[in-house]
Amino acid sequence: MDAATLAGRQAPLKERYKKDADAALLTLKARGALEALDVTCKVETGRGLAVAGLHRKVGGSGLQLCSGDMLLEALIACAGVAMKAAATLLEIPIEKAEVFAEGDVDLRGALGVTEGVRVGFEEIRLRFDVKSTASKEQLDALLALTESYCVVFDTLRQGPKLDVQLTRSA
């Protein structure tokens, strides 16, 4: 896709959202179901079921997806798309690009071994390896736009308001 095509697709949406802020609100949804016989959760995706389970280092078999990996994969997907969109709109040539994410988790928290140790990620690192003829200034601008417009990156950085509920089903 070229810059004109992408800008042409986005222009009417931007105009609509400027005039009607409510039209810009999107509620994304996900759904999963716990397995009866195993410590897993089947997550419905747009392409089928993904079965998540415990990581091998906290007692899982290693056969199921790790939700921590899935979080990093979502970050990579979002950041990669955001970077490609920004590069397209700015007409920054990218010959090749790879996105890498890694995060550190202290499993003593996840297993309840040591009180006060955080359960979640302590640090997440996101890296782009880009092959391009663009200038350093263009690539710096590209990275800044990617950080600014990646929904998952912003969500992790800002920490959204969270609400958790449990209801008893019939």
N, C-alpha and C. Protein backbone atom coordinates (compact mmCIF):
# COMPACT_ATOMS: atom_id res chain seq x y z
N MET A 1 0.84 -1.17 0.00
CA MET A 1 0.00 0.00 0.00
C MET A 1 0.89 1.24 0.00
N ASP A 2 0.51 2.24 -0.77
CA ASP A 2 1.31 3.47 -0.80
C ASP A 2 0.69 4.54 0.11
N ALA A 3 1.41 5.65 0.26
CA ALA A 3 0.99 6.71 1.17
C ALA A 3 -0.37 7.29 0.78
N ALA A 4 -0.59 7.51 -0.50
CA ALA A 4 -1.84 8.10 -0.95
C ALA A 4 -3.04 7.20 -0.65
N THR A 5 -2.86 5.90 -0.84
CA THR A 5 -3.95 4.96 -0.57
C THR A 5 -4.28 4.93 0.92
N LEU A 6 -3.23 4.84 1.76
CA LEU A 6 -3.46 4.81 3.20
C LEU A 6 -4.07 6.11 3.69
N ALA A 7 -3.51 7.23 3.26
CA ALA A 7 -4.05 8.53 3.66
C ALA A 7 -5.49 8.69 3.18
N GLY A 8 -5.78 8.19 1.98
CA GLY A 8 -7.14 8.25 1.45
C GLY A 8 -8.13 7.43 2.26
N ARG A 9 -7.68 6.31 2.77
CA ARG A 9 -8.54 5.47 3.62
C ARG A 9 -8.77 6.13 4.98
N GLN A 10 -7.72 6.77 5.50
CA GLN A 10 -7.82 7.33 6.84
C GLN A 10 -8.48 8.71 6.88
N ALA A 11 -8.37 9.49 5.82
CA ALA A 11 -8.88 10.87 5.82
C ALA A 11 -10.36 10.97 6.19
N PRO A 12 -11.25 10.19 5.57
CA PRO A 12 -12.67 10.32 5.96
C PRO A 12 -12.93 9.88 7.40
N LEU A 13 -12.15 8.91 7.88
CA LEU A 13 -12.30 8.47 9.26
C LEU A 13 -11.87 9.57 10.22
N LYS A 14 -10.72 10.19 9.93
CA LYS A 14 -10.24 11.28 10.78
C LYS A 14 -11.24 12.42 10.82
N GLU A 15 -11.79 12.76 9.68
CA GLU A 15 -12.76 13.85 9.61
C GLU A 15 -14.02 13.51 10.41
N ARG A 16 -14.49 12.30 10.26
CA ARG A 16 -15.68 11.87 11.01
C ARG A 16 -15.43 11.92 12.50
N TYR A 17 -14.26 11.42 12.94
CA TYR A 17 -13.95 11.38 14.36
C TYR A 17 -13.72 12.77 14.95
N LYS A 18 -13.26 13.71 14.14
CA LYS A 18 -13.12 15.09 14.60
C LYS A 18 -14.49 15.69 14.90
N LYS A 19 -15.47 15.34 14.06
CA LYS A 19 -16.83 15.89 14.20
C LYS A 19 -17.65 15.13 15.24
N ASP A 20 -17.38 13.84 15.39
CA ASP A 20 -18.18 13.00 16.28
C ASP A 20 -17.26 12.10 17.09
N ALA A 21 -16.87 12.56 18.27
CA ALA A 21 -15.94 11.81 19.12
C ALA A 21 -16.50 10.44 19.49
N ASP A 22 -17.81 10.33 19.66
CA ASP A 22 -18.40 9.03 20.01
C ASP A 22 -18.18 7.98 18.92
N ALA A 23 -18.12 8.43 17.67
CA ALA A 23 -17.91 7.50 16.56
C ALA A 23 -16.51 6.90 16.60
N ALA A 24 -15.60 7.55 17.29
CA ALA A 24 -14.21 7.08 17.37
C ALA A 24 -14.02 6.03 18.46
N LEU A 25 -15.01 5.82 19.30
CA LEU A 25 -14.86 4.85 20.38
C LEU A 25 -15.07 3.44 19.86
N LEU A 26 -14.17 2.56 20.21
CA LEU A 26 -14.20 1.17 19.77
C LEU A 26 -14.01 0.30 21.00
N THR A 27 -14.86 -0.67 21.17
CA THR A 27 -14.71 -1.63 22.25
C THR A 27 -14.28 -2.95 21.64
N LEU A 28 -13.05 -3.32 21.88
CA LEU A 28 -12.56 -4.62 21.43
C LEU A 28 -12.91 -5.65 22.48
N LYS A 29 -13.17 -6.86 22.05
CA LYS A 29 -13.58 -7.91 22.99
C LYS A 29 -12.80 -9.18 22.72
N ALA A 30 -12.59 -9.93 23.76
CA ALA A 30 -11.97 -11.24 23.65
C ALA A 30 -12.74 -12.19 24.56
N ARG A 31 -12.62 -13.46 24.26
CA ARG A 31 -13.37 -14.46 25.03
C ARG A 31 -12.55 -15.73 25.15
N GLY A 32 -12.67 -16.36 26.29
CA GLY A 32 -11.98 -17.62 26.52
C GLY A 32 -12.81 -18.52 27.42
N ALA A 33 -12.43 -19.77 27.49
CA ALA A 33 -13.12 -20.74 28.34
C ALA A 33 -12.08 -21.63 29.02
N LEU A 34 -12.26 -21.82 30.33
CA LEU A 34 -11.35 -22.67 31.08
C LEU A 34 -11.62 -24.13 30.73
N GLU A 35 -10.56 -24.89 30.67
CA GLU A 35 -10.67 -26.32 30.42
C GLU A 35 -11.04 -27.03 31.72
N ALA A 36 -11.84 -28.06 31.62
CA ALA A 36 -12.28 -28.79 32.81
C ALA A 36 -11.18 -29.69 33.39
N LEU A 37 -10.36 -30.27 32.54
CA LEU A 37 -9.42 -31.28 33.00
C LEU A 37 -7.96 -30.83 33.05
N ASP A 38 -7.67 -29.61 32.64
CA ASP A 38 -6.28 -29.16 32.60
C ASP A 38 -6.23 -27.70 33.03
N VAL A 39 -5.06 -27.21 33.34
CA VAL A 39 -4.88 -25.81 33.72
C VAL A 39 -4.60 -25.03 32.43
N THR A 40 -5.65 -24.88 31.63
CA THR A 40 -5.55 -24.18 30.36
C THR A 40 -6.79 -23.32 30.14
N CYS A 41 -6.68 -22.43 29.18
CA CYS A 41 -7.80 -21.58 28.79
C CYS A 41 -7.81 -21.50 27.27
N LYS A 42 -8.93 -21.84 26.67
CA LYS A 42 -9.08 -21.73 25.22
C LYS A 42 -9.52 -20.31 24.89
N VAL A 43 -8.71 -19.62 24.11
CA VAL A 43 -8.98 -18.24 23.75
C VAL A 43 -9.44 -18.20 22.30
N GLU A 44 -10.59 -17.58 22.08
CA GLU A 44 -11.09 -17.43 20.72
C GLU A 44 -10.32 -16.29 20.05
N THR A 45 -9.75 -16.59 18.90
CA THR A 45 -9.06 -15.56 18.13
C THR A 45 -9.80 -15.40 16.81
N GLY A 46 -9.41 -14.43 16.04
CA GLY A 46 -10.03 -14.24 14.74
C GLY A 46 -9.73 -15.36 13.77
N ARG A 47 -8.78 -16.22 14.12
CA ARG A 47 -8.35 -17.30 13.23
C ARG A 47 -8.56 -18.68 13.82
N GLY A 48 -9.23 -18.78 14.97
CA GLY A 48 -9.45 -20.08 15.59
C GLY A 48 -9.14 -20.01 17.07
N LEU A 49 -9.03 -21.16 17.68
CA LEU A 49 -8.76 -21.23 19.11
C LEU A 49 -7.27 -21.28 19.39
N ALA A 50 -6.88 -20.57 20.41
CA ALA A 50 -5.52 -20.64 20.93
C ALA A 50 -5.64 -21.18 22.35
N VAL A 51 -4.85 -22.17 22.67
CA VAL A 51 -4.92 -22.76 24.00
C VAL A 51 -3.73 -22.26 24.81
N ALA A 52 -4.05 -21.52 25.87
CA ALA A 52 -3.04 -20.97 26.76
C ALA A 52 -2.93 -21.85 27.99
N GLY A 53 -1.72 -21.97 28.48
CA GLY A 53 -1.49 -22.77 29.69
C GLY A 53 -0.32 -22.21 30.47
N LEU A 54 0.03 -22.90 31.51
CA LEU A 54 1.16 -22.50 32.34
C LEU A 54 2.47 -22.66 31.58
N HIS A 55 3.38 -21.74 31.81
CA HIS A 55 4.72 -21.86 31.26
C HIS A 55 5.40 -23.05 31.94
N ARG A 56 6.29 -23.66 31.23
CA ARG A 56 7.01 -24.83 31.76
C ARG A 56 7.72 -24.50 33.09
N LYS A 57 8.20 -23.26 33.24
CA LYS A 57 8.95 -22.90 34.44
C LYS A 57 8.05 -22.61 35.65
N VAL A 58 6.72 -22.73 35.47
CA VAL A 58 5.80 -22.64 36.61
C VAL A 58 4.89 -23.87 36.67
N GLY A 59 5.35 -24.96 36.06
CA GLY A 59 4.63 -26.23 36.19
C GLY A 59 3.82 -26.65 34.99
N GLY A 60 3.89 -25.93 33.89
CA GLY A 60 3.14 -26.32 32.70
C GLY A 60 3.89 -27.35 31.88
N SER A 61 3.19 -27.90 30.90
CA SER A 61 3.79 -28.91 30.03
C SER A 61 4.66 -28.30 28.94
N GLY A 62 4.43 -27.05 28.65
CA GLY A 62 5.14 -26.40 27.56
C GLY A 62 4.47 -26.60 26.22
N LEU A 63 3.36 -27.34 26.21
CA LEU A 63 2.65 -27.60 24.96
C LEU A 63 1.67 -26.48 24.60
N GLN A 64 1.24 -25.74 25.60
CA GLN A 64 0.28 -24.66 25.36
C GLN A 64 1.01 -23.33 25.23
N LEU A 65 0.29 -22.34 24.74
CA LEU A 65 0.84 -21.00 24.63
C LEU A 65 0.97 -20.38 26.01
N CYS A 66 2.01 -19.59 26.19
CA CYS A 66 2.20 -18.85 27.44
C CYS A 66 1.59 -17.46 27.26
N SER A 67 0.78 -17.04 28.19
CA SER A 67 0.12 -15.74 28.06
C SER A 67 1.13 -14.59 28.06
N GLY A 68 2.25 -14.75 28.74
CA GLY A 68 3.30 -13.73 28.70
C GLY A 68 3.87 -13.60 27.29
N ASP A 69 4.10 -14.73 26.63
CA ASP A 69 4.54 -14.70 25.24
C ASP A 69 3.48 -14.04 24.36
N MET A 70 2.22 -14.36 24.62
CA MET A 70 1.14 -13.79 23.82
C MET A 70 1.09 -12.26 23.98
N LEU A 71 1.36 -11.77 25.18
CA LEU A 71 1.41 -10.33 25.40
C LEU A 71 2.52 -9.69 24.58
N LEU A 72 3.70 -10.31 24.60
CA LEU A 72 4.82 -9.80 23.81
C LEU A 72 4.52 -9.88 22.32
N GLU A 73 3.86 -10.94 21.89
CA GLU A 73 3.48 -11.08 20.49
C GLU A 73 2.49 -10.01 20.07
N ALA A 74 1.55 -9.67 20.95
CA ALA A 74 0.61 -8.59 20.66
C ALA A 74 1.35 -7.26 20.53
N LEU A 75 2.34 -7.04 21.39
CA LEU A 75 3.14 -5.83 21.31
C LEU A 75 3.89 -5.76 19.98
N ILE A 76 4.50 -6.87 19.59
CA ILE A 76 5.23 -6.91 18.32
C ILE A 76 4.28 -6.65 17.15
N ALA A 77 3.13 -7.28 17.16
CA ALA A 77 2.17 -7.10 16.07
C ALA A 77 1.74 -5.65 15.95
N CYS A 78 1.38 -5.06 17.06
CA CYS A 78 0.91 -3.68 17.05
C CYS A 78 2.02 -2.70 16.67
N ALA A 79 3.19 -2.88 17.25
CA ALA A 79 4.31 -1.98 16.96
C ALA A 79 4.75 -2.11 15.51
N GLY A 80 4.75 -3.34 15.00
CA GLY A 80 5.13 -3.55 13.60
C GLY A 80 4.16 -2.88 12.64
N VAL A 81 2.87 -3.01 12.91
CA VAL A 81 1.86 -2.37 12.06
C VAL A 81 1.94 -0.85 12.18
N ALA A 82 2.12 -0.36 13.40
CA ALA A 82 2.24 1.09 13.60
C ALA A 82 3.45 1.64 12.86
N MET A 83 4.58 0.93 12.93
CA MET A 83 5.77 1.39 12.24
C MET A 83 5.56 1.38 10.73
N LYS A 84 4.97 0.32 10.22
CA LYS A 84 4.76 0.22 8.77
C LYS A 84 3.80 1.30 8.30
N ALA A 85 2.76 1.58 9.07
CA ALA A 85 1.82 2.64 8.69
C ALA A 85 2.51 4.00 8.67
N ALA A 86 3.29 4.28 9.71
CA ALA A 86 4.01 5.55 9.78
C ALA A 86 5.01 5.67 8.63
N ALA A 87 5.74 4.60 8.35
CA ALA A 87 6.71 4.63 7.25
C ALA A 87 6.00 4.84 5.92
N THR A 88 4.85 4.24 5.76
CA THR A 88 4.08 4.40 4.53
C THR A 88 3.63 5.84 4.37
N LEU A 89 3.04 6.40 5.41
CA LEU A 89 2.55 7.79 5.32
C LEU A 89 3.67 8.80 5.14
N LEU A 90 4.82 8.55 5.78
CA LEU A 90 5.96 9.46 5.66
C LEU A 90 6.82 9.15 4.43
N GLU A 91 6.46 8.09 3.73
CA GLU A 91 7.20 7.62 2.56
C GLU A 91 8.67 7.38 2.89
N ILE A 92 8.87 6.73 4.03
CA ILE A 92 10.21 6.32 4.45
C ILE A 92 10.42 4.90 3.92
N PRO A 93 11.43 4.71 3.10
CA PRO A 93 11.64 3.38 2.52
C PRO A 93 12.17 2.39 3.56
N ILE A 94 11.50 1.26 3.66
CA ILE A 94 11.97 0.18 4.53
C ILE A 94 12.15 -1.05 3.66
N GLU A 95 13.39 -1.44 3.52
CA GLU A 95 13.69 -2.62 2.72
C GLU A 95 13.35 -3.89 3.48
N LYS A 96 13.67 -3.86 4.77
CA LYS A 96 13.42 -5.01 5.63
C LYS A 96 13.35 -4.51 7.07
N ALA A 97 12.47 -5.11 7.86
CA ALA A 97 12.40 -4.75 9.28
C ALA A 97 11.95 -5.97 10.08
N GLU A 98 12.56 -6.13 11.23
CA GLU A 98 12.15 -7.16 12.17
C GLU A 98 11.90 -6.51 13.51
N VAL A 99 10.95 -7.06 14.23
CA VAL A 99 10.57 -6.52 15.54
C VAL A 99 10.80 -7.61 16.57
N PHE A 100 11.43 -7.23 17.68
CA PHE A 100 11.73 -8.17 18.75
C PHE A 100 11.23 -7.60 20.07
N ALA A 101 10.66 -8.45 20.90
CA ALA A 101 10.26 -8.05 22.24
C ALA A 101 10.72 -9.13 23.21
N GLU A 102 11.16 -8.68 24.35
CA GLU A 102 11.51 -9.61 25.42
C GLU A 102 11.16 -8.95 26.74
N GLY A 103 10.83 -9.77 27.70
CA GLY A 103 10.46 -9.23 28.99
C GLY A 103 10.94 -10.13 30.11
N ASP A 104 11.18 -9.51 31.25
CA ASP A 104 11.69 -10.22 32.42
C ASP A 104 10.60 -10.39 33.46
N VAL A 105 10.43 -11.63 33.90
CA VAL A 105 9.45 -11.97 34.93
C VAL A 105 10.20 -12.74 36.03
N ASP A 106 9.99 -12.35 37.27
CA ASP A 106 10.55 -13.08 38.39
C ASP A 106 9.50 -14.11 38.82
N LEU A 107 9.73 -15.35 38.53
CA LEU A 107 8.73 -16.40 38.74
C LEU A 107 8.44 -16.67 40.22
N ARG A 108 9.24 -16.12 41.13
CA ARG A 108 8.91 -16.25 42.56
C ARG A 108 7.59 -15.54 42.84
N GLY A 109 7.29 -14.46 42.11
CA GLY A 109 6.03 -13.76 42.27
C GLY A 109 4.86 -14.58 41.74
N ALA A 110 5.01 -15.13 40.54
CA ALA A 110 3.95 -15.91 39.92
C ALA A 110 3.62 -17.17 40.72
N LEU A 111 4.61 -17.72 41.39
CA LEU A 111 4.38 -18.93 42.19
C LEU A 111 4.10 -18.63 43.66
N GLY A 112 4.12 -17.36 44.03
CA GLY A 112 3.85 -17.01 45.42
C GLY A 112 4.95 -17.47 46.37
N VAL A 113 6.17 -17.57 45.89
CA VAL A 113 7.29 -18.06 46.69
C VAL A 113 7.79 -16.99 47.65
N THR A 114 7.87 -15.76 47.16
CA THR A 114 8.43 -14.68 47.97
C THR A 114 7.47 -13.50 48.00
N GLU A 115 7.01 -13.17 49.19
CA GLU A 115 6.08 -12.06 49.34
C GLU A 115 6.73 -10.76 48.88
N GLY A 116 5.95 -9.96 48.17
CA GLY A 116 6.44 -8.67 47.71
C GLY A 116 7.09 -8.71 46.34
N VAL A 117 7.31 -9.89 45.79
CA VAL A 117 7.87 -9.98 44.43
C VAL A 117 6.73 -9.85 43.45
N ARG A 118 6.91 -8.94 42.51
CA ARG A 118 5.88 -8.67 41.52
C ARG A 118 5.55 -9.91 40.70
N VAL A 119 4.28 -10.08 40.37
CA VAL A 119 3.84 -11.21 39.57
C VAL A 119 4.10 -10.97 38.08
N GLY A 120 3.92 -9.73 37.64
CA GLY A 120 4.03 -9.41 36.21
C GLY A 120 5.43 -9.08 35.76
N PHE A 121 5.51 -8.60 34.53
CA PHE A 121 6.79 -8.23 33.94
C PHE A 121 7.44 -7.10 34.73
N GLU A 122 8.72 -7.25 34.97
CA GLU A 122 9.52 -6.19 35.60
C GLU A 122 9.97 -5.19 34.54
N GLU A 123 10.30 -5.70 33.38
CA GLU A 123 10.79 -4.86 32.28
C GLU A 123 10.45 -5.52 30.96
N ILE A 124 10.08 -4.71 29.98
CA ILE A 124 9.85 -5.19 28.61
C ILE A 124 10.71 -4.33 27.70
N ARG A 125 11.42 -5.01 26.80
CA ARG A 125 12.27 -4.33 25.83
C ARG A 125 11.75 -4.61 24.42
N LEU A 126 11.61 -3.56 23.65
CA LEU A 126 11.12 -3.65 22.27
C LEU A 126 12.23 -3.13 21.36
N ARG A 127 12.57 -3.90 20.33
CA ARG A 127 13.66 -3.50 19.43
C ARG A 127 13.24 -3.71 17.99
N PHE A 128 13.64 -2.77 17.15
CA PHE A 128 13.40 -2.85 15.71
C PHE A 128 14.75 -2.92 15.01
N ASP A 129 14.94 -3.89 14.15
CA ASP A 129 16.11 -3.96 13.28
C ASP A 129 15.61 -3.59 11.88
N VAL A 130 16.02 -2.41 11.41
CA VAL A 130 15.47 -1.86 10.18
C VAL A 130 16.58 -1.66 9.15
N LYS A 131 16.33 -2.16 7.95
CA LYS A 131 17.23 -1.90 6.82
C LYS A 131 16.53 -0.87 5.95
N SER A 132 17.17 0.31 5.82
CA SER A 132 16.55 1.41 5.10
C SER A 132 17.61 2.39 4.62
N THR A 133 17.29 3.10 3.56
CA THR A 133 18.17 4.17 3.08
C THR A 133 17.79 5.51 3.70
N ALA A 134 16.84 5.50 4.59
CA ALA A 134 16.38 6.73 5.24
C ALA A 134 17.48 7.32 6.11
N SER A 135 17.39 8.62 6.34
CA SER A 135 18.36 9.30 7.21
C SER A 135 18.10 8.94 8.67
N LYS A 136 19.08 9.23 9.51
CA LYS A 136 18.91 9.00 10.95
C LYS A 136 17.74 9.80 11.48
N GLU A 137 17.58 11.03 11.02
CA GLU A 137 16.47 11.87 11.46
C GLU A 137 15.12 11.26 11.08
N GLN A 138 15.03 10.71 9.86
CA GLN A 138 13.79 10.07 9.44
C GLN A 138 13.49 8.84 10.29
N LEU A 139 14.53 8.05 10.58
CA LEU A 139 14.32 6.85 11.40
C LEU A 139 13.98 7.21 12.84
N ASP A 140 14.58 8.28 13.35
CA ASP A 140 14.22 8.74 14.70
C ASP A 140 12.76 9.17 14.74
N ALA A 141 12.32 9.89 13.71
CA ALA A 141 10.91 10.31 13.63
C ALA A 141 10.00 9.10 13.51
N LEU A 142 10.43 8.11 12.75
CA LEU A 142 9.65 6.89 12.58
C LEU A 142 9.48 6.16 13.91
N LEU A 143 10.56 6.05 14.67
CA LEU A 143 10.48 5.39 15.97
C LEU A 143 9.56 6.18 16.92
N ALA A 144 9.68 7.50 16.92
CA ALA A 144 8.84 8.32 17.79
C ALA A 144 7.36 8.15 17.43
N LEU A 145 7.04 8.12 16.14
CA LEU A 145 5.65 7.93 15.73
C LEU A 145 5.15 6.53 16.08
N THR A 146 6.03 5.56 15.95
CA THR A 146 5.65 4.19 16.30
C THR A 146 5.30 4.11 17.78
N GLU A 147 6.13 4.70 18.62
CA GLU A 147 5.85 4.73 20.06
C GLU A 147 4.55 5.47 20.34
N SER A 148 4.32 6.56 19.65
CA SER A 148 3.13 7.39 19.89
C SER A 148 1.83 6.73 19.46
N TYR A 149 1.87 5.93 18.39
CA TYR A 149 0.63 5.42 17.82
C TYR A 149 0.43 3.92 17.94
N CYS A 150 1.28 3.24 18.68
CA CYS A 150 1.09 1.81 18.92
C CYS A 150 0.18 1.66 20.14
N VAL A 151 -1.00 1.14 19.93
CA VAL A 151 -2.00 1.01 20.99
C VAL A 151 -1.50 0.13 22.13
N VAL A 152 -0.89 -0.99 21.82
CA VAL A 152 -0.43 -1.91 22.86
C VAL A 152 0.73 -1.29 23.64
N PHE A 153 1.66 -0.65 22.96
CA PHE A 153 2.78 0.00 23.65
C PHE A 153 2.25 1.07 24.60
N ASP A 154 1.34 1.91 24.12
CA ASP A 154 0.79 2.96 24.95
C ASP A 154 0.03 2.38 26.14
N THR A 155 -0.70 1.30 25.91
CA THR A 155 -1.44 0.65 27.00
C THR A 155 -0.50 0.15 28.08
N LEU A 156 0.59 -0.49 27.68
CA LEU A 156 1.56 -0.98 28.66
C LEU A 156 2.25 0.17 29.39
N ARG A 157 2.58 1.21 28.65
CA ARG A 157 3.29 2.35 29.25
C ARG A 157 2.39 3.13 30.20
N GLN A 158 1.15 3.37 29.83
CA GLN A 158 0.26 4.21 30.62
C GLN A 158 -0.51 3.45 31.70
N GLY A 159 -0.76 2.16 31.47
CA GLY A 159 -1.54 1.39 32.43
C GLY A 159 -2.99 1.85 32.48
N PRO A 160 -3.89 1.18 31.78
CA PRO A 160 -5.28 1.61 31.75
C PRO A 160 -6.00 1.32 33.07
N LYS A 161 -7.12 1.96 33.24
CA LYS A 161 -8.00 1.63 34.36
C LYS A 161 -8.49 0.21 34.13
N LEU A 162 -8.42 -0.61 35.15
CA LEU A 162 -8.85 -2.01 35.02
C LEU A 162 -10.03 -2.28 35.94
N ASP A 163 -10.89 -3.16 35.50
CA ASP A 163 -12.04 -3.58 36.30
C ASP A 163 -12.14 -5.10 36.15
N VAL A 164 -12.28 -5.80 37.25
CA VAL A 164 -12.40 -7.26 37.24
C VAL A 164 -13.66 -7.64 37.99
N GLN A 165 -14.42 -8.54 37.42
CA GLN A 165 -15.66 -9.00 38.05
C GLN A 165 -15.76 -10.52 37.96
N LEU A 166 -16.48 -11.10 38.87
CA LEU A 166 -16.82 -12.50 38.81
C LEU A 166 -18.32 -12.59 38.99
N THR A 167 -18.99 -13.26 38.06
CA THR A 167 -20.43 -13.47 38.19
C THR A 167 -20.69 -14.97 38.22
N ARG A 168 -21.72 -15.35 38.92
CA ARG A 168 -22.09 -16.76 38.99
C ARG A 168 -23.08 -17.05 37.85
N SER A 169 -22.70 -17.99 36.99
CA SER A 169 -23.61 -18.34 35.89
C SER A 169 -24.54 -19.45 36.32
N ALA A 170 -25.61 -19.59 35.57
CA ALA A 170 -26.62 -20.59 35.91
C ALA A 170 -26.21 -21.96 35.45
